[in-house]
mmCIF file of all heavy atoms, coordinates in Angstrom:
data_MODEL
# 
_entry.id   MODEL 
# 
loop_
_atom_site.group_PDB 
_atom_site.id 
_atom_site.type_symbol 
_atom_site.label_atom_id 
_atom_site.label_alt_id 
_atom_site.label_comp_id 
_atom_site.label_asym_id 
_atom_site.label_entity_id 
_atom_site.label_seq_id 
_atom_site.pdbx_PDB_ins_code 
_atom_site.Cartn_x 
_atom_site.Cartn_y 
_atom_site.Cartn_z 
_atom_site.occupancy 
_atom_site.B_iso_or_equiv 
_atom_site.pdbx_formal_charge 
_atom_site.auth_seq_id 
_atom_site.auth_comp_id 
_atom_site.auth_asym_id 
_atom_site.auth_atom_id 
_atom_site.pdbx_PDB_model_num 
ATOM 1   N N   . LEU A 1 1  ? 24.201 -11.815 -4.377  1.00 0.00 ? 1  LEU A N   1 
ATOM 2   C CA  . LEU A 1 1  ? 23.899 -10.436 -4.758  1.00 0.00 ? 1  LEU A CA  1 
ATOM 3   C C   . LEU A 1 1  ? 23.654 -10.301 -6.253  1.00 0.00 ? 1  LEU A C   1 
ATOM 4   O O   . LEU A 1 1  ? 24.257 -11.013 -7.071  1.00 0.00 ? 1  LEU A O   1 
ATOM 5   C CB  . LEU A 1 1  ? 25.041 -9.518  -4.327  1.00 0.00 ? 1  LEU A CB  1 
ATOM 6   C CG  . LEU A 1 1  ? 25.041 -9.184  -2.831  1.00 0.00 ? 1  LEU A CG  1 
ATOM 7   C CD1 . LEU A 1 1  ? 26.398 -8.684  -2.377  1.00 0.00 ? 1  LEU A CD1 1 
ATOM 8   C CD2 . LEU A 1 1  ? 23.965 -8.162  -2.522  1.00 0.00 ? 1  LEU A CD2 1 
ATOM 9   N N   . LYS A 1 2  ? 22.761 -9.367  -6.572  1.00 0.00 ? 2  LYS A N   1 
ATOM 10  C CA  . LYS A 1 2  ? 22.382 -9.112  -7.949  1.00 0.00 ? 2  LYS A CA  1 
ATOM 11  C C   . LYS A 1 2  ? 22.660 -7.644  -8.280  1.00 0.00 ? 2  LYS A C   1 
ATOM 12  O O   . LYS A 1 2  ? 22.679 -6.804  -7.378  1.00 0.00 ? 2  LYS A O   1 
ATOM 13  C CB  . LYS A 1 2  ? 20.889 -9.376  -8.139  1.00 0.00 ? 2  LYS A CB  1 
ATOM 14  C CG  . LYS A 1 2  ? 20.436 -10.762 -7.723  1.00 0.00 ? 2  LYS A CG  1 
ATOM 15  C CD  . LYS A 1 2  ? 18.922 -10.885 -7.830  1.00 0.00 ? 2  LYS A CD  1 
ATOM 16  C CE  . LYS A 1 2  ? 18.445 -12.257 -7.394  1.00 0.00 ? 2  LYS A CE  1 
ATOM 17  N NZ  . LYS A 1 2  ? 16.973 -12.403 -7.493  1.00 0.00 ? 2  LYS A NZ  1 
ATOM 18  N N   . PRO A 1 3  ? 22.843 -7.311  -9.543  1.00 0.00 ? 3  PRO A N   1 
ATOM 19  C CA  . PRO A 1 3  ? 23.058 -5.902  -9.906  1.00 0.00 ? 3  PRO A CA  1 
ATOM 20  C C   . PRO A 1 3  ? 21.951 -4.985  -9.394  1.00 0.00 ? 3  PRO A C   1 
ATOM 21  O O   . PRO A 1 3  ? 22.228 -3.835  -9.025  1.00 0.00 ? 3  PRO A O   1 
ATOM 22  C CB  . PRO A 1 3  ? 23.100 -5.946  -11.433 1.00 0.00 ? 3  PRO A CB  1 
ATOM 23  C CG  . PRO A 1 3  ? 23.643 -7.294  -11.748 1.00 0.00 ? 3  PRO A CG  1 
ATOM 24  C CD  . PRO A 1 3  ? 23.031 -8.199  -10.709 1.00 0.00 ? 3  PRO A CD  1 
ATOM 25  N N   . GLU A 1 4  ? 20.742 -5.493  -9.325  1.00 0.00 ? 4  GLU A N   1 
ATOM 26  C CA  . GLU A 1 4  ? 19.640 -4.653  -8.843  1.00 0.00 ? 4  GLU A CA  1 
ATOM 27  C C   . GLU A 1 4  ? 19.689 -4.407  -7.341  1.00 0.00 ? 4  GLU A C   1 
ATOM 28  O O   . GLU A 1 4  ? 18.879 -3.634  -6.812  1.00 0.00 ? 4  GLU A O   1 
ATOM 29  C CB  . GLU A 1 4  ? 18.282 -5.274  -9.222  1.00 0.00 ? 4  GLU A CB  1 
ATOM 30  C CG  . GLU A 1 4  ? 18.113 -6.724  -8.863  1.00 0.00 ? 4  GLU A CG  1 
ATOM 31  C CD  . GLU A 1 4  ? 18.436 -7.650  -10.027 1.00 0.00 ? 4  GLU A CD  1 
ATOM 32  O OE1 . GLU A 1 4  ? 19.438 -7.401  -10.746 1.00 0.00 ? 4  GLU A OE1 1 
ATOM 33  O OE2 . GLU A 1 4  ? 17.686 -8.637  -10.201 1.00 0.00 ? 4  GLU A OE2 1 
ATOM 34  N N   . ASP A 1 5  ? 20.622 -5.032  -6.647  1.00 0.00 ? 5  ASP A N   1 
ATOM 35  C CA  . ASP A 1 5  ? 20.831 -4.732  -5.228  1.00 0.00 ? 5  ASP A CA  1 
ATOM 36  C C   . ASP A 1 5  ? 21.710 -3.502  -5.036  1.00 0.00 ? 5  ASP A C   1 
ATOM 37  O O   . ASP A 1 5  ? 21.906 -3.045  -3.906  1.00 0.00 ? 5  ASP A O   1 
ATOM 38  C CB  . ASP A 1 5  ? 21.479 -5.923  -4.523  1.00 0.00 ? 5  ASP A CB  1 
ATOM 39  C CG  . ASP A 1 5  ? 20.574 -7.137  -4.448  1.00 0.00 ? 5  ASP A CG  1 
ATOM 40  O OD1 . ASP A 1 5  ? 19.361 -6.968  -4.202  1.00 0.00 ? 5  ASP A OD1 1 
ATOM 41  O OD2 . ASP A 1 5  ? 21.084 -8.260  -4.648  1.00 0.00 ? 5  ASP A OD2 1 
ATOM 42  N N   . THR A 1 6  ? 22.257 -2.973  -6.110  1.00 0.00 ? 6  THR A N   1 
ATOM 43  C CA  . THR A 1 6  ? 23.094 -1.781  -6.029  1.00 0.00 ? 6  THR A CA  1 
ATOM 44  C C   . THR A 1 6  ? 22.294 -0.607  -5.474  1.00 0.00 ? 6  THR A C   1 
ATOM 45  O O   . THR A 1 6  ? 21.224 -0.272  -5.996  1.00 0.00 ? 6  THR A O   1 
ATOM 46  C CB  . THR A 1 6  ? 23.646 -1.426  -7.419  1.00 0.00 ? 6  THR A CB  1 
ATOM 47  O OG1 . THR A 1 6  ? 24.518 -2.467  -7.857  1.00 0.00 ? 6  THR A OG1 1 
ATOM 48  C CG2 . THR A 1 6  ? 24.404 -0.106  -7.379  1.00 0.00 ? 6  THR A CG2 1 
ATOM 49  N N   . ALA A 1 7  ? 22.814 -0.014  -4.414  1.00 0.00 ? 7  ALA A N   1 
ATOM 50  C CA  . ALA A 1 7  ? 22.100 1.084   -3.738  1.00 0.00 ? 7  ALA A CA  1 
ATOM 51  C C   . ALA A 1 7  ? 22.953 1.590   -2.588  1.00 0.00 ? 7  ALA A C   1 
ATOM 52  O O   . ALA A 1 7  ? 23.967 0.978   -2.225  1.00 0.00 ? 7  ALA A O   1 
ATOM 53  C CB  . ALA A 1 7  ? 20.756 0.603   -3.203  1.00 0.00 ? 7  ALA A CB  1 
ATOM 54  N N   . VAL A 1 8  ? 22.508 2.682   -2.016  1.00 0.00 ? 8  VAL A N   1 
ATOM 55  C CA  . VAL A 1 8  ? 23.038 3.123   -0.731  1.00 0.00 ? 8  VAL A CA  1 
ATOM 56  C C   . VAL A 1 8  ? 22.174 2.469   0.346   1.00 0.00 ? 8  VAL A C   1 
ATOM 57  O O   . VAL A 1 8  ? 20.947 2.578   0.305   1.00 0.00 ? 8  VAL A O   1 
ATOM 58  C CB  . VAL A 1 8  ? 23.006 4.655   -0.591  1.00 0.00 ? 8  VAL A CB  1 
ATOM 59  C CG1 . VAL A 1 8  ? 23.490 5.067   0.802   1.00 0.00 ? 8  VAL A CG1 1 
ATOM 60  C CG2 . VAL A 1 8  ? 23.864 5.304   -1.671  1.00 0.00 ? 8  VAL A CG2 1 
ATOM 61  N N   . TYR A 1 9  ? 22.820 1.803   1.271   1.00 0.00 ? 9  TYR A N   1 
ATOM 62  C CA  . TYR A 1 9  ? 22.124 1.074   2.323   1.00 0.00 ? 9  TYR A CA  1 
ATOM 63  C C   . TYR A 1 9  ? 22.198 1.857   3.633   1.00 0.00 ? 9  TYR A C   1 
ATOM 64  O O   . TYR A 1 9  ? 23.260 2.371   4.005   1.00 0.00 ? 9  TYR A O   1 
ATOM 65  C CB  . TYR A 1 9  ? 22.735 -0.312  2.500   1.00 0.00 ? 9  TYR A CB  1 
ATOM 66  C CG  . TYR A 1 9  ? 22.321 -1.277  1.416   1.00 0.00 ? 9  TYR A CG  1 
ATOM 67  C CD1 . TYR A 1 9  ? 22.813 -1.158  0.126   1.00 0.00 ? 9  TYR A CD1 1 
ATOM 68  C CD2 . TYR A 1 9  ? 21.401 -2.292  1.685   1.00 0.00 ? 9  TYR A CD2 1 
ATOM 69  C CE1 . TYR A 1 9  ? 22.410 -2.020  -0.872  1.00 0.00 ? 9  TYR A CE1 1 
ATOM 70  C CE2 . TYR A 1 9  ? 20.993 -3.163  0.685   1.00 0.00 ? 9  TYR A CE2 1 
ATOM 71  C CZ  . TYR A 1 9  ? 21.502 -3.020  -0.592  1.00 0.00 ? 9  TYR A CZ  1 
ATOM 72  O OH  . TYR A 1 9  ? 21.103 -3.885  -1.580  1.00 0.00 ? 9  TYR A OH  1 
ATOM 73  N N   . TYR A 1 10 ? 21.060 1.896   4.316   1.00 0.00 ? 10 TYR A N   1 
ATOM 74  C CA  . TYR A 1 10 ? 20.945 2.638   5.572   1.00 0.00 ? 10 TYR A CA  1 
ATOM 75  C C   . TYR A 1 10 ? 20.421 1.717   6.674   1.00 0.00 ? 10 TYR A C   1 
ATOM 76  O O   . TYR A 1 10 ? 19.487 0.942   6.440   1.00 0.00 ? 10 TYR A O   1 
ATOM 77  C CB  . TYR A 1 10 ? 19.964 3.791   5.440   1.00 0.00 ? 10 TYR A CB  1 
ATOM 78  C CG  . TYR A 1 10 ? 20.313 4.830   4.409   1.00 0.00 ? 10 TYR A CG  1 
ATOM 79  C CD1 . TYR A 1 10 ? 19.924 4.677   3.085   1.00 0.00 ? 10 TYR A CD1 1 
ATOM 80  C CD2 . TYR A 1 10 ? 21.027 5.972   4.763   1.00 0.00 ? 10 TYR A CD2 1 
ATOM 81  C CE1 . TYR A 1 10 ? 20.235 5.629   2.128   1.00 0.00 ? 10 TYR A CE1 1 
ATOM 82  C CE2 . TYR A 1 10 ? 21.344 6.938   3.817   1.00 0.00 ? 10 TYR A CE2 1 
ATOM 83  C CZ  . TYR A 1 10 ? 20.942 6.756   2.504   1.00 0.00 ? 10 TYR A CZ  1 
ATOM 84  O OH  . TYR A 1 10 ? 21.250 7.715   1.572   1.00 0.00 ? 10 TYR A OH  1 
ATOM 85  N N   . CYS A 1 11 ? 20.997 1.832   7.854   1.00 0.00 ? 11 CYS A N   1 
ATOM 86  C CA  . CYS A 1 11 ? 20.371 1.198   9.006   1.00 0.00 ? 11 CYS A CA  1 
ATOM 87  C C   . CYS A 1 11 ? 19.592 2.258   9.768   1.00 0.00 ? 11 CYS A C   1 
ATOM 88  O O   . CYS A 1 11 ? 19.887 3.455   9.671   1.00 0.00 ? 11 CYS A O   1 
ATOM 89  C CB  . CYS A 1 11 ? 21.383 0.511   9.913   1.00 0.00 ? 11 CYS A CB  1 
ATOM 90  S SG  . CYS A 1 11 ? 22.519 1.613   10.761  1.00 0.00 ? 11 CYS A SG  1 
ATOM 91  N N   . ALA A 1 12 ? 18.596 1.802   10.504  1.00 0.00 ? 12 ALA A N   1 
ATOM 92  C CA  . ALA A 1 12 ? 17.729 2.737   11.212  1.00 0.00 ? 12 ALA A CA  1 
ATOM 93  C C   . ALA A 1 12 ? 17.212 2.094   12.488  1.00 0.00 ? 12 ALA A C   1 
ATOM 94  O O   . ALA A 1 12 ? 17.098 0.872   12.579  1.00 0.00 ? 12 ALA A O   1 
ATOM 95  C CB  . ALA A 1 12 ? 16.563 3.153   10.323  1.00 0.00 ? 12 ALA A CB  1 
ATOM 96  N N   . ALA A 1 13 ? 16.892 2.935   13.455  1.00 0.00 ? 13 ALA A N   1 
ATOM 97  C CA  . ALA A 1 13 ? 16.377 2.478   14.744  1.00 0.00 ? 13 ALA A CA  1 
ATOM 98  C C   . ALA A 1 13 ? 15.049 3.151   15.037  1.00 0.00 ? 13 ALA A C   1 
ATOM 99  O O   . ALA A 1 13 ? 14.877 4.354   14.793  1.00 0.00 ? 13 ALA A O   1 
ATOM 100 C CB  . ALA A 1 13 ? 17.386 2.799   15.854  1.00 0.00 ? 13 ALA A CB  1 
ATOM 101 N N   . ALA A 1 14 ? 14.125 2.356   15.566  1.00 0.00 ? 14 ALA A N   1 
ATOM 102 C CA  . ALA A 1 14 ? 12.799 2.861   15.887  1.00 0.00 ? 14 ALA A CA  1 
ATOM 103 C C   . ALA A 1 14 ? 12.527 2.712   17.376  1.00 0.00 ? 14 ALA A C   1 
ATOM 104 O O   . ALA A 1 14 ? 12.750 1.632   17.937  1.00 0.00 ? 14 ALA A O   1 
ATOM 105 C CB  . ALA A 1 14 ? 11.741 2.107   15.079  1.00 0.00 ? 14 ALA A CB  1 
ATOM 106 N N   . ARG A 1 15 ? 12.024 3.761   17.994  1.00 0.00 ? 15 ARG A N   1 
ATOM 107 C CA  . ARG A 1 15 ? 11.725 3.711   19.425  1.00 0.00 ? 15 ARG A CA  1 
ATOM 108 C C   . ARG A 1 15 ? 10.475 2.892   19.712  1.00 0.00 ? 15 ARG A C   1 
ATOM 109 O O   . ARG A 1 15 ? 10.325 2.383   20.812  1.00 0.00 ? 15 ARG A O   1 
ATOM 110 C CB  . ARG A 1 15 ? 11.519 5.124   19.962  1.00 0.00 ? 15 ARG A CB  1 
ATOM 111 C CG  . ARG A 1 15 ? 12.780 5.977   20.045  1.00 0.00 ? 15 ARG A CG  1 
ATOM 112 C CD  . ARG A 1 15 ? 12.515 7.211   20.887  1.00 0.00 ? 15 ARG A CD  1 
ATOM 113 N NE  . ARG A 1 15 ? 11.460 8.027   20.291  1.00 0.00 ? 15 ARG A NE  1 
ATOM 114 C CZ  . ARG A 1 15 ? 11.678 9.119   19.575  1.00 0.00 ? 15 ARG A CZ  1 
ATOM 115 N NH1 . ARG A 1 15 ? 12.917 9.517   19.365  1.00 0.00 ? 15 ARG A NH1 1 
ATOM 116 N NH2 . ARG A 1 15 ? 10.685 9.814   19.076  1.00 0.00 ? 15 ARG A NH2 1 
ATOM 117 N N   . GLY A 1 16 ? 9.597  2.706   18.764  1.00 0.00 ? 16 GLY A N   1 
ATOM 118 C CA  . GLY A 1 16 ? 8.291  2.082   18.852  1.00 0.00 ? 16 GLY A CA  1 
ATOM 119 C C   . GLY A 1 16 ? 7.998  1.314   20.125  1.00 0.00 ? 16 GLY A C   1 
ATOM 120 O O   . GLY A 1 16 ? 8.803  0.578   20.641  1.00 0.00 ? 16 GLY A O   1 
ATOM 121 N N   . SER A 1 17 ? 6.808  1.455   20.615  1.00 0.00 ? 17 SER A N   1 
ATOM 122 C CA  . SER A 1 17 ? 6.455  0.958   21.935  1.00 0.00 ? 17 SER A CA  1 
ATOM 123 C C   . SER A 1 17 ? 6.155  -0.534  21.974  1.00 0.00 ? 17 SER A C   1 
ATOM 124 O O   . SER A 1 17 ? 6.259  -1.155  23.023  1.00 0.00 ? 17 SER A O   1 
ATOM 125 C CB  . SER A 1 17 ? 5.236  1.726   22.451  1.00 0.00 ? 17 SER A CB  1 
ATOM 126 O OG  . SER A 1 17 ? 4.142  1.566   21.555  1.00 0.00 ? 17 SER A OG  1 
ATOM 127 N N   . ASN A 1 18 ? 5.786  -1.139  20.853  1.00 0.00 ? 18 ASN A N   1 
ATOM 128 C CA  . ASN A 1 18 ? 5.397  -2.540  20.847  1.00 0.00 ? 18 ASN A CA  1 
ATOM 129 C C   . ASN A 1 18 ? 6.612  -3.423  20.589  1.00 0.00 ? 18 ASN A C   1 
ATOM 130 O O   . ASN A 1 18 ? 7.174  -3.395  19.503  1.00 0.00 ? 18 ASN A O   1 
ATOM 131 C CB  . ASN A 1 18 ? 4.329  -2.778  19.775  1.00 0.00 ? 18 ASN A CB  1 
ATOM 132 C CG  . ASN A 1 18 ? 3.690  -4.139  19.910  1.00 0.00 ? 18 ASN A CG  1 
ATOM 133 O OD1 . ASN A 1 18 ? 4.325  -5.103  20.315  1.00 0.00 ? 18 ASN A OD1 1 
ATOM 134 N ND2 . ASN A 1 18 ? 2.419  -4.215  19.562  1.00 0.00 ? 18 ASN A ND2 1 
ATOM 135 N N   . PRO A 1 19 ? 7.023  -4.232  21.567  1.00 0.00 ? 19 PRO A N   1 
ATOM 136 C CA  . PRO A 1 19 ? 8.271  -5.001  21.426  1.00 0.00 ? 19 PRO A CA  1 
ATOM 137 C C   . PRO A 1 19 ? 8.201  -6.137  20.425  1.00 0.00 ? 19 PRO A C   1 
ATOM 138 O O   . PRO A 1 19 ? 9.232  -6.682  20.049  1.00 0.00 ? 19 PRO A O   1 
ATOM 139 C CB  . PRO A 1 19 ? 8.505  -5.533  22.844  1.00 0.00 ? 19 PRO A CB  1 
ATOM 140 C CG  . PRO A 1 19 ? 7.142  -5.601  23.444  1.00 0.00 ? 19 PRO A CG  1 
ATOM 141 C CD  . PRO A 1 19 ? 6.393  -4.432  22.870  1.00 0.00 ? 19 PRO A CD  1 
ATOM 142 N N   . SER A 1 20 ? 7.022  -6.514  19.967  1.00 0.00 ? 20 SER A N   1 
ATOM 143 C CA  . SER A 1 20 ? 6.921  -7.652  19.049  1.00 0.00 ? 20 SER A CA  1 
ATOM 144 C C   . SER A 1 20 ? 6.678  -7.229  17.607  1.00 0.00 ? 20 SER A C   1 
ATOM 145 O O   . SER A 1 20 ? 6.509  -8.062  16.736  1.00 0.00 ? 20 SER A O   1 
ATOM 146 C CB  . SER A 1 20 ? 5.791  -8.574  19.496  1.00 0.00 ? 20 SER A CB  1 
ATOM 147 O OG  . SER A 1 20 ? 4.549  -7.882  19.459  1.00 0.00 ? 20 SER A OG  1 
ATOM 148 N N   . VAL A 1 21 ? 6.675  -5.926  17.369  1.00 0.00 ? 21 VAL A N   1 
ATOM 149 C CA  . VAL A 1 21 ? 6.338  -5.421  16.042  1.00 0.00 ? 21 VAL A CA  1 
ATOM 150 C C   . VAL A 1 21 ? 7.589  -5.151  15.223  1.00 0.00 ? 21 VAL A C   1 
ATOM 151 O O   . VAL A 1 21 ? 8.575  -4.608  15.726  1.00 0.00 ? 21 VAL A O   1 
ATOM 152 C CB  . VAL A 1 21 ? 5.496  -4.138  16.149  1.00 0.00 ? 21 VAL A CB  1 
ATOM 153 C CG1 . VAL A 1 21 ? 5.310  -3.495  14.782  1.00 0.00 ? 21 VAL A CG1 1 
ATOM 154 C CG2 . VAL A 1 21 ? 4.144  -4.442  16.777  1.00 0.00 ? 21 VAL A CG2 1 
ATOM 155 N N   . VAL A 1 22 ? 7.523  -5.543  13.945  1.00 0.00 ? 22 VAL A N   1 
ATOM 156 C CA  . VAL A 1 22 ? 8.567  -5.210  12.993  1.00 0.00 ? 22 VAL A CA  1 
ATOM 157 C C   . VAL A 1 22 ? 8.072  -4.038  12.161  1.00 0.00 ? 22 VAL A C   1 
ATOM 158 O O   . VAL A 1 22 ? 6.957  -4.070  11.640  1.00 0.00 ? 22 VAL A O   1 
ATOM 159 C CB  . VAL A 1 22 ? 8.875  -6.405  12.071  1.00 0.00 ? 22 VAL A CB  1 
ATOM 160 C CG1 . VAL A 1 22 ? 9.954  -6.039  11.071  1.00 0.00 ? 22 VAL A CG1 1 
ATOM 161 C CG2 . VAL A 1 22 ? 9.308  -7.604  12.898  1.00 0.00 ? 22 VAL A CG2 1 
ATOM 162 N N   . TYR A 1 23 ? 8.897  -3.033  12.037  1.00 0.00 ? 23 TYR A N   1 
ATOM 163 C CA  . TYR A 1 23 ? 8.503  -1.824  11.309  1.00 0.00 ? 23 TYR A CA  1 
ATOM 164 C C   . TYR A 1 23 ? 9.127  -1.814  9.923   1.00 0.00 ? 23 TYR A C   1 
ATOM 165 O O   . TYR A 1 23 ? 10.339 -1.984  9.790   1.00 0.00 ? 23 TYR A O   1 
ATOM 166 C CB  . TYR A 1 23 ? 8.930  -0.574  12.090  1.00 0.00 ? 23 TYR A CB  1 
ATOM 167 C CG  . TYR A 1 23 ? 8.316  -0.496  13.457  1.00 0.00 ? 23 TYR A CG  1 
ATOM 168 C CD1 . TYR A 1 23 ? 9.064  -0.769  14.597  1.00 0.00 ? 23 TYR A CD1 1 
ATOM 169 C CD2 . TYR A 1 23 ? 6.978  -0.154  13.612  1.00 0.00 ? 23 TYR A CD2 1 
ATOM 170 C CE1 . TYR A 1 23 ? 8.494  -0.705  15.847  1.00 0.00 ? 23 TYR A CE1 1 
ATOM 171 C CE2 . TYR A 1 23 ? 6.403  -0.093  14.866  1.00 0.00 ? 23 TYR A CE2 1 
ATOM 172 C CZ  . TYR A 1 23 ? 7.166  -0.368  15.981  1.00 0.00 ? 23 TYR A CZ  1 
ATOM 173 O OH  . TYR A 1 23 ? 6.600  -0.312  17.223  1.00 0.00 ? 23 TYR A OH  1 
ATOM 174 N N   . SER A 1 24 ? 8.316  -1.609  8.915   1.00 0.00 ? 24 SER A N   1 
ATOM 175 C CA  . SER A 1 24 ? 8.825  -1.635  7.545   1.00 0.00 ? 24 SER A CA  1 
ATOM 176 C C   . SER A 1 24 ? 8.669  -0.307  6.814   1.00 0.00 ? 24 SER A C   1 
ATOM 177 O O   . SER A 1 24 ? 9.015  -0.211  5.639   1.00 0.00 ? 24 SER A O   1 
ATOM 178 C CB  . SER A 1 24 ? 8.107  -2.725  6.749   1.00 0.00 ? 24 SER A CB  1 
ATOM 179 O OG  . SER A 1 24 ? 6.712  -2.482  6.715   1.00 0.00 ? 24 SER A OG  1 
# 
């Protein structure tokens, strides 16, 4: 870890229809 990693971290879920896609 680096000081620039300091942040509030959130997890999220996507319903997206394509099972092979990564959403960014």
